[in-house]
């Protein structure tokens, strides 16, 4: 399944959003570098508000999820967006 997802064309590599969600993970897991080293986060080009993970430590966050969180933050006046995938 992982190969199919990674080769689907729906996973974005080296982009700004993926860097952003990885920075969030770095911050949230700052006290657990061992765990942080075991997971990799990627942006997935799906409009649905969702995220999914594999047992190999890959976490895919849908663009729809990121957009929803960003939209809610803007509507409530929050300037810092933090979420857990």
N, C-alpha and C. Protein backbone atom coordinates (compact mmCIF):
# COMPACT_ATOMS: atom_id res chain seq x y z
N UNK A 1 0.81 -1.19 0.00
CA UNK A 1 0.00 0.00 0.00
C UNK A 1 0.86 1.27 0.00
N UNK A 2 1.93 1.28 0.78
CA UNK A 2 2.78 2.47 0.87
C UNK A 2 3.35 2.86 -0.49
N UNK A 3 3.85 1.89 -1.23
CA UNK A 3 4.39 2.19 -2.57
C UNK A 3 3.31 2.78 -3.47
N UNK A 4 2.11 2.23 -3.39
CA UNK A 4 1.01 2.73 -4.22
C UNK A 4 0.70 4.18 -3.87
N UNK A 5 0.70 4.51 -2.58
CA UNK A 5 0.42 5.89 -2.16
C UNK A 5 1.55 6.81 -2.60
N UNK A 6 2.79 6.42 -2.35
CA UNK A 6 3.93 7.27 -2.69
C UNK A 6 4.08 7.50 -4.19
N UNK A 7 3.68 6.53 -4.99
CA UNK A 7 3.81 6.64 -6.44
C UNK A 7 2.53 7.12 -7.14
N UNK A 8 1.53 7.45 -6.35
CA UNK A 8 0.22 7.81 -6.91
C UNK A 8 0.20 9.18 -7.58
N UNK A 9 1.17 10.02 -7.28
CA UNK A 9 1.15 11.39 -7.77
C UNK A 9 0.38 12.32 -6.85
N UNK A 10 -0.18 11.77 -5.77
CA UNK A 10 -0.95 12.57 -4.82
C UNK A 10 -0.13 13.04 -3.63
N UNK A 11 1.10 12.60 -3.52
CA UNK A 11 1.96 12.98 -2.41
C UNK A 11 2.89 14.09 -2.90
N UNK A 12 2.93 15.17 -2.12
CA UNK A 12 3.77 16.31 -2.49
C UNK A 12 5.07 16.22 -1.69
N UNK A 13 6.19 16.33 -2.37
CA UNK A 13 7.50 16.26 -1.75
C UNK A 13 8.21 17.61 -1.85
N UNK A 14 8.87 18.03 -0.79
CA UNK A 14 9.72 19.22 -0.83
C UNK A 14 8.98 20.53 -1.00
N UNK A 15 7.73 20.59 -0.61
CA UNK A 15 6.95 21.82 -0.76
C UNK A 15 6.84 22.57 0.57
N UNK A 16 6.26 23.73 0.52
CA UNK A 16 6.13 24.58 1.70
C UNK A 16 5.21 23.97 2.75
N UNK A 17 4.08 23.40 2.33
CA UNK A 17 3.15 22.81 3.29
C UNK A 17 3.76 21.62 4.02
N UNK A 18 4.46 20.77 3.29
CA UNK A 18 5.10 19.62 3.92
C UNK A 18 6.16 20.09 4.92
N UNK A 19 6.93 21.10 4.55
CA UNK A 19 7.93 21.65 5.48
C UNK A 19 7.24 22.20 6.72
N UNK A 20 6.09 22.86 6.53
CA UNK A 20 5.35 23.43 7.64
C UNK A 20 4.84 22.36 8.61
N UNK A 21 4.22 21.31 8.09
CA UNK A 21 3.70 20.28 8.99
C UNK A 21 4.84 19.53 9.67
N UNK A 22 5.99 19.43 9.02
CA UNK A 22 7.14 18.81 9.66
C UNK A 22 7.70 19.70 10.77
N UNK A 23 7.64 21.02 10.60
CA UNK A 23 8.07 21.93 11.66
C UNK A 23 7.15 21.81 12.87
N UNK A 24 5.86 21.65 12.61
CA UNK A 24 4.91 21.45 13.71
C UNK A 24 5.24 20.17 14.46
N UNK A 25 5.52 19.10 13.72
CA UNK A 25 5.89 17.83 14.35
C UNK A 25 7.19 17.98 15.15
N UNK A 26 8.16 18.71 14.59
CA UNK A 26 9.40 18.96 15.31
C UNK A 26 9.12 19.63 16.64
N UNK A 27 8.25 20.62 16.62
CA UNK A 27 7.91 21.35 17.84
C UNK A 27 7.17 20.46 18.84
N UNK A 28 6.16 19.75 18.36
CA UNK A 28 5.36 18.91 19.26
C UNK A 28 6.16 17.76 19.85
N UNK A 29 7.12 17.25 19.10
CA UNK A 29 7.91 16.10 19.56
C UNK A 29 9.32 16.49 19.98
N UNK A 30 9.50 17.74 20.32
CA UNK A 30 10.81 18.24 20.73
C UNK A 30 11.39 17.44 21.90
N UNK A 31 10.54 17.00 22.80
CA UNK A 31 11.00 16.25 23.98
C UNK A 31 11.16 14.76 23.72
N UNK A 32 10.84 14.31 22.51
CA UNK A 32 10.95 12.89 22.18
C UNK A 32 11.61 12.73 20.81
N UNK A 33 12.91 13.05 20.72
CA UNK A 33 13.58 12.98 19.41
C UNK A 33 13.61 11.57 18.81
N UNK A 34 13.58 10.55 19.66
CA UNK A 34 13.56 9.18 19.13
C UNK A 34 12.27 8.93 18.35
N UNK A 35 11.15 9.32 18.92
CA UNK A 35 9.87 9.17 18.22
C UNK A 35 9.85 10.02 16.95
N UNK A 36 10.33 11.26 17.05
CA UNK A 36 10.32 12.15 15.89
C UNK A 36 11.12 11.56 14.73
N UNK A 37 12.21 10.88 15.06
CA UNK A 37 13.05 10.29 14.01
C UNK A 37 12.37 9.11 13.32
N UNK A 38 11.31 8.59 13.92
CA UNK A 38 10.62 7.43 13.36
C UNK A 38 9.44 7.79 12.47
N UNK A 39 9.07 9.07 12.42
CA UNK A 39 7.92 9.44 11.60
C UNK A 39 8.32 10.45 10.52
N UNK A 40 7.61 10.37 9.41
CA UNK A 40 7.79 11.30 8.30
C UNK A 40 6.41 11.80 7.88
N UNK A 41 6.28 13.08 7.72
CA UNK A 41 5.00 13.68 7.34
C UNK A 41 5.06 14.20 5.92
N UNK A 42 3.95 14.04 5.22
CA UNK A 42 3.83 14.48 3.84
C UNK A 42 2.47 15.12 3.63
N UNK A 43 2.39 15.99 2.64
CA UNK A 43 1.13 16.57 2.22
C UNK A 43 0.53 15.66 1.15
N UNK A 44 -0.78 15.40 1.27
CA UNK A 44 -1.50 14.55 0.33
C UNK A 44 -2.54 15.40 -0.37
N UNK A 45 -2.58 15.35 -1.69
CA UNK A 45 -3.46 16.22 -2.47
C UNK A 45 -4.89 15.68 -2.53
N UNK A 46 -5.55 15.80 -1.42
CA UNK A 46 -6.96 15.41 -1.34
C UNK A 46 -7.73 16.56 -0.71
N UNK A 47 -8.92 16.85 -1.22
CA UNK A 47 -9.71 17.95 -0.67
C UNK A 47 -10.41 17.60 0.65
N UNK A 48 -10.37 16.35 1.04
CA UNK A 48 -11.09 15.91 2.23
C UNK A 48 -10.36 16.32 3.50
N UNK A 49 -11.13 16.63 4.54
CA UNK A 49 -10.57 17.00 5.84
C UNK A 49 -10.20 15.70 6.55
N UNK A 50 -8.94 15.29 6.36
CA UNK A 50 -8.52 13.99 6.87
C UNK A 50 -7.00 13.90 6.88
N UNK A 51 -6.51 12.89 7.53
CA UNK A 51 -5.10 12.52 7.51
C UNK A 51 -5.05 11.02 7.74
N UNK A 52 -3.97 10.38 7.33
CA UNK A 52 -3.84 8.95 7.58
C UNK A 52 -2.38 8.60 7.77
N UNK A 53 -2.15 7.46 8.40
CA UNK A 53 -0.78 7.04 8.72
C UNK A 53 -0.59 5.57 8.38
N UNK A 54 0.66 5.20 8.21
CA UNK A 54 1.00 3.80 7.99
C UNK A 54 1.77 3.28 9.20
N UNK A 55 1.88 1.98 9.29
CA UNK A 55 2.62 1.39 10.41
C UNK A 55 4.14 1.56 10.25
N UNK A 56 4.58 2.10 9.11
CA UNK A 56 6.00 2.37 8.90
C UNK A 56 6.39 3.77 9.35
N UNK A 57 5.44 4.54 9.90
CA UNK A 57 5.75 5.88 10.40
C UNK A 57 5.52 7.00 9.42
N UNK A 58 4.83 6.73 8.32
CA UNK A 58 4.50 7.77 7.36
C UNK A 58 3.14 8.35 7.71
N UNK A 59 3.07 9.66 7.81
CA UNK A 59 1.81 10.35 8.08
C UNK A 59 1.52 11.27 6.91
N UNK A 60 0.33 11.13 6.35
CA UNK A 60 -0.09 11.93 5.20
C UNK A 60 -1.23 12.84 5.65
N UNK A 61 -1.03 14.14 5.49
CA UNK A 61 -2.02 15.13 5.89
C UNK A 61 -2.65 15.71 4.62
N UNK A 62 -3.95 15.55 4.50
CA UNK A 62 -4.65 16.04 3.31
C UNK A 62 -4.65 17.56 3.25
N UNK A 63 -4.55 18.09 2.04
CA UNK A 63 -4.61 19.53 1.84
C UNK A 63 -5.94 20.07 2.38
N UNK A 64 -7.01 19.31 2.23
CA UNK A 64 -8.31 19.73 2.75
C UNK A 64 -8.29 19.93 4.25
N UNK A 65 -7.54 19.11 4.96
CA UNK A 65 -7.40 19.25 6.41
C UNK A 65 -6.65 20.54 6.75
N UNK A 66 -5.55 20.77 6.04
CA UNK A 66 -4.75 21.96 6.28
C UNK A 66 -5.57 23.21 5.98
N UNK A 67 -6.32 23.19 4.88
CA UNK A 67 -7.14 24.34 4.50
C UNK A 67 -8.22 24.60 5.55
N UNK A 68 -8.84 23.55 6.05
CA UNK A 68 -9.90 23.71 7.05
C UNK A 68 -9.35 24.32 8.33
N UNK A 69 -8.21 23.84 8.78
CA UNK A 69 -7.59 24.37 10.00
C UNK A 69 -7.20 25.84 9.78
N UNK A 70 -6.62 26.13 8.64
CA UNK A 70 -6.22 27.51 8.34
C UNK A 70 -7.44 28.42 8.27
N UNK A 71 -8.51 27.95 7.63
CA UNK A 71 -9.73 28.74 7.50
C UNK A 71 -10.35 29.02 8.87
N UNK A 72 -10.42 28.00 9.72
CA UNK A 72 -10.98 28.19 11.06
C UNK A 72 -10.13 29.15 11.88
N UNK A 73 -8.82 29.06 11.73
CA UNK A 73 -7.93 29.96 12.47
C UNK A 73 -8.14 31.40 12.02
N UNK A 74 -8.29 31.61 10.71
CA UNK A 74 -8.52 32.96 10.20
C UNK A 74 -9.86 33.52 10.67
N UNK A 75 -10.88 32.66 10.69
CA UNK A 75 -12.22 33.11 11.09
C UNK A 75 -12.31 33.44 12.57
N UNK A 76 -11.45 32.83 13.38
CA UNK A 76 -11.50 33.09 14.82
C UNK A 76 -10.43 34.08 15.25
N UNK A 77 -9.63 34.55 14.31
CA UNK A 77 -8.62 35.54 14.63
C UNK A 77 -7.32 34.98 15.15
N UNK A 78 -7.15 33.67 15.12
CA UNK A 78 -5.90 33.07 15.57
C UNK A 78 -4.85 33.22 14.48
N UNK A 79 -3.65 33.58 14.87
CA UNK A 79 -2.58 33.71 13.90
C UNK A 79 -1.63 32.53 13.92
N UNK A 80 -1.63 31.76 14.97
CA UNK A 80 -0.79 30.58 15.05
C UNK A 80 -1.67 29.35 14.89
N UNK A 81 -1.33 28.50 13.94
CA UNK A 81 -2.10 27.30 13.66
C UNK A 81 -1.28 26.10 14.11
N UNK A 82 -1.85 25.31 15.01
CA UNK A 82 -1.18 24.09 15.46
C UNK A 82 -2.21 22.97 15.39
N UNK A 83 -1.84 21.86 14.81
CA UNK A 83 -2.71 20.71 14.75
C UNK A 83 -1.87 19.45 14.90
N UNK A 84 -2.53 18.38 15.27
CA UNK A 84 -1.87 17.08 15.40
C UNK A 84 -2.47 16.17 14.37
N UNK A 85 -1.64 15.65 13.52
CA UNK A 85 -2.11 14.74 12.49
C UNK A 85 -2.25 13.35 13.03
